[in-house]
Amino acid sequence: MHKTAQMQKVDQLNTLCRDRMEEKSRWMQAIIQDELRRPLHVDRAEKFPAPFEVEQGVRRDMERIHAHEVSVLSMEQALKAKEQLRRRKLKKQLTAARARKKQGLPTRAPTAAAVDPKRRHHLGQLAAIRQDLARHRKQKEREVQKLIRLQREAPLNPAALHSVDTQVARR
């Protein structure tokens, strides 16, 4: 008797759950049908952004790229300065070791390499980054020039005034 009551309870819960899911499904379908009945309105600014606004965005990207180039250049200069300092110290140690050797005193030759491989690797990476940034900057400059040309030619381009897309976007 207890098991039958439990089974009936489970059946009722399953029925309620199914009813709720069906109701939710009908509700979602009604929303979709309502959206499909409405006409599609596209904002002209979204479909055809003003060339000046696009140009401003590209110029902001160029400023960001320039700032990145400056920071990479400063890091590269700092690494070169450290490498020069290391080389000067190494040369000084070598000179001192030779002088001690001439005097007949015990010497300890410096064990450092002529060029630090880690710094060489870092300088190579920074140079590659700098080249990549220069390529991006040139690409953005071409985009800006293209946008400027479009803005200059826009009033003179009669095809743009009678475009189907323009007529649809104005409605």
Protein backbone atom coordinates (compact mmCIF):
# COMPACT_ATOMS: atom_id res chain seq x y z
CA MET A 1 0.00 0.00 0.00
CA HIS A 2 2.81 2.35 0.87
CA LYS A 3 4.61 1.55 -2.42
CA THR A 4 1.50 2.25 -4.49
CA ALA A 5 1.10 5.65 -2.83
CA GLN A 6 4.72 6.42 -3.65
CA MET A 7 4.27 5.32 -7.27
CA GLN A 8 1.15 7.46 -7.62
CA LYS A 9 3.06 10.41 -6.20
CA VAL A 10 5.94 9.87 -8.68
CA ASP A 11 3.42 9.62 -11.55
CA GLN A 12 1.79 12.90 -10.47
CA LEU A 13 5.20 14.62 -10.31
CA ASN A 14 6.12 13.30 -13.76
CA THR A 15 2.80 14.53 -15.17
CA LEU A 16 3.28 17.99 -13.59
CA CYS A 17 6.82 18.17 -14.91
CA ARG A 18 5.70 17.21 -18.44
CA ASP A 19 2.87 19.76 -18.28
CA ARG A 20 5.26 22.50 -17.21
CA MET A 21 7.72 21.64 -19.97
CA GLU A 22 4.94 21.64 -22.59
CA GLU A 23 3.67 24.97 -21.29
CA LYS A 24 7.18 26.44 -21.41
CA SER A 25 7.67 25.08 -24.94
CA ARG A 26 4.39 26.66 -26.11
CA TRP A 27 5.38 29.94 -24.48
CA MET A 28 8.79 29.93 -26.21
CA GLN A 29 7.21 29.09 -29.58
CA ALA A 30 4.73 31.95 -29.13
CA ILE A 31 7.60 34.37 -28.50
CA ILE A 32 9.45 33.13 -31.58
CA GLN A 33 6.33 33.43 -33.75
CA ASP A 34 5.72 36.96 -32.45
CA GLU A 35 9.30 37.96 -33.28
CA LEU A 36 9.05 36.43 -36.75
CA ARG A 37 5.85 38.38 -37.49
CA ARG A 38 7.53 41.72 -36.77
CA PRO A 39 9.45 43.41 -39.58
CA LEU A 40 13.20 43.44 -39.32
CA HIS A 41 14.55 46.92 -38.58
CA VAL A 42 18.24 47.47 -39.09
CA ASP A 43 19.75 50.62 -37.75
CA ARG A 44 21.58 52.42 -40.52
CA ALA A 45 24.47 53.30 -38.19
CA GLU A 46 24.99 49.60 -37.42
CA LYS A 47 24.94 48.45 -41.03
CA PHE A 48 26.78 51.46 -42.44
CA PRO A 49 28.97 53.00 -39.74
CA ALA A 50 30.12 56.50 -40.51
CA PRO A 51 33.60 56.41 -42.06
CA PHE A 52 34.73 59.11 -39.63
CA GLU A 53 33.81 56.93 -36.63
CA VAL A 54 35.60 53.96 -38.16
CA GLU A 55 38.62 56.17 -38.83
CA GLN A 56 38.63 57.30 -35.19
CA GLY A 57 38.63 53.68 -34.04
CA VAL A 58 41.49 52.81 -36.37
CA ARG A 59 43.45 55.84 -35.16
CA ARG A 60 42.93 54.71 -31.55
CA ASP A 61 44.31 51.31 -32.55
CA MET A 62 47.29 53.07 -34.13
CA GLU A 63 47.93 55.00 -30.91
CA ARG A 64 47.79 51.77 -28.92
CA ILE A 65 50.21 50.11 -31.35
CA HIS A 66 52.55 53.12 -31.13
CA ALA A 67 52.54 52.96 -27.33
CA HIS A 68 53.34 49.26 -27.52
CA GLU A 69 56.18 49.97 -29.99
CA VAL A 70 57.62 52.57 -27.63
CA SER A 71 57.56 50.16 -24.69
CA VAL A 72 59.19 47.39 -26.75
CA LEU A 73 61.86 49.82 -27.92
CA SER A 74 62.58 50.94 -24.35
CA MET A 75 62.85 47.31 -23.22
CA GLU A 76 65.22 46.61 -26.10
CA GLN A 77 67.38 49.62 -25.23
CA ALA A 78 67.49 48.57 -21.56
CA LEU A 79 68.61 45.07 -22.54
CA LYS A 80 71.30 46.47 -24.84
CA ALA A 81 72.53 48.78 -22.07
CA LYS A 82 72.75 45.85 -19.64
CA GLU A 83 74.62 43.81 -22.23
CA GLN A 84 77.10 46.67 -22.82
CA LEU A 85 77.65 47.01 -19.08
CA ARG A 86 78.23 43.27 -18.79
CA ARG A 87 80.73 43.36 -21.67
CA ARG A 88 82.61 46.30 -20.11
CA LYS A 89 82.87 44.45 -16.80
CA LEU A 90 84.01 41.29 -18.61
CA LYS A 91 86.65 43.26 -20.54
CA LYS A 92 87.84 44.86 -17.30
CA GLN A 93 88.14 41.42 -15.66
CA LEU A 94 90.08 40.07 -18.66
CA THR A 95 92.44 43.05 -18.60
CA ALA A 96 93.00 42.62 -14.86
CA ALA A 97 93.63 38.87 -15.30
CA ARG A 98 96.23 39.53 -18.03
CA ALA A 99 97.97 42.14 -15.87
CA ARG A 100 98.11 39.71 -12.91
CA LYS A 101 99.45 37.00 -15.22
CA LYS A 102 102.27 39.30 -16.44
CA GLN A 103 103.19 40.04 -12.84
CA GLY A 104 103.33 36.34 -12.11
CA LEU A 105 100.44 36.42 -9.67
CA PRO A 106 97.76 33.71 -9.60
CA THR A 107 94.87 34.58 -11.89
CA ARG A 108 91.34 33.52 -12.25
CA ALA A 109 90.02 33.93 -15.78
CA PRO A 110 86.43 35.12 -16.10
CA THR A 111 84.05 32.31 -17.05
CA ALA A 112 81.33 34.43 -18.66
CA ALA A 113 80.60 34.01 -22.35
CA ALA A 114 81.33 36.84 -24.76
CA VAL A 115 77.60 37.15 -25.55
CA ASP A 116 74.88 36.17 -23.11
CA PRO A 117 72.65 33.64 -24.94
CA LYS A 118 69.58 34.55 -22.90
CA ARG A 119 69.91 38.23 -23.76
CA ARG A 120 70.53 37.41 -27.41
CA HIS A 121 67.31 35.35 -27.38
CA HIS A 122 65.35 38.14 -25.66
CA LEU A 123 66.68 40.75 -28.08
CA GLY A 124 65.65 38.53 -30.99
CA GLN A 125 62.15 38.17 -29.58
CA LEU A 126 61.84 41.92 -29.04
CA ALA A 127 63.03 42.60 -32.60
CA ALA A 128 60.40 40.16 -33.94
CA ILE A 129 57.69 41.85 -31.86
CA ARG A 130 58.83 45.26 -33.10
CA GLN A 131 58.66 44.10 -36.73
CA ASP A 132 55.19 42.64 -36.17
CA LEU A 133 54.00 45.91 -34.62
CA ALA A 134 55.46 47.90 -37.53
CA ARG A 135 53.56 45.67 -39.96
CA HIS A 136 50.31 46.22 -38.00
CA ARG A 137 50.92 49.97 -37.89
CA LYS A 138 51.44 50.13 -41.66
CA GLN A 139 48.25 48.12 -42.20
CA LYS A 140 46.30 50.55 -40.00
CA GLU A 141 47.83 53.52 -41.84
CA ARG A 142 46.60 52.05 -45.13
CA GLU A 143 43.12 51.60 -43.61
CA VAL A 144 43.08 55.24 -42.50
CA GLN A 145 44.16 56.41 -45.96
CA LYS A 146 41.40 54.30 -47.52
CA LEU A 147 38.80 55.74 -45.13
CA ILE A 148 39.97 59.28 -45.83
CA ARG A 149 39.67 58.62 -49.56
CA LEU A 150 36.14 57.25 -49.02
CA GLN A 151 35.15 60.34 -47.08
CA ARG A 152 36.50 62.63 -49.80
CA GLU A 153 34.71 60.72 -52.57
CA ALA A 154 31.44 60.13 -50.67
CA PRO A 155 29.60 63.28 -51.84
CA LEU A 156 30.74 62.67 -55.41
CA ASN A 157 29.61 59.04 -55.56
CA PRO A 158 26.05 59.04 -57.03
CA ALA A 159 25.71 55.26 -56.79
CA ALA A 160 25.66 55.44 -53.00
CA LEU A 161 22.68 57.81 -53.05
CA HIS A 162 20.49 55.40 -55.05
CA SER A 163 21.56 52.15 -53.47
CA VAL A 164 18.89 49.63 -52.51
CA ASP A 165 20.55 49.14 -49.15
CA THR A 166 20.44 52.87 -48.51
CA GLN A 167 16.73 53.02 -49.30
CA VAL A 168 15.96 50.06 -47.01
CA ALA A 169 18.07 51.48 -44.20
CA ARG A 170 16.31 54.87 -44.33
CA ARG A 171 12.88 53.37 -43.68
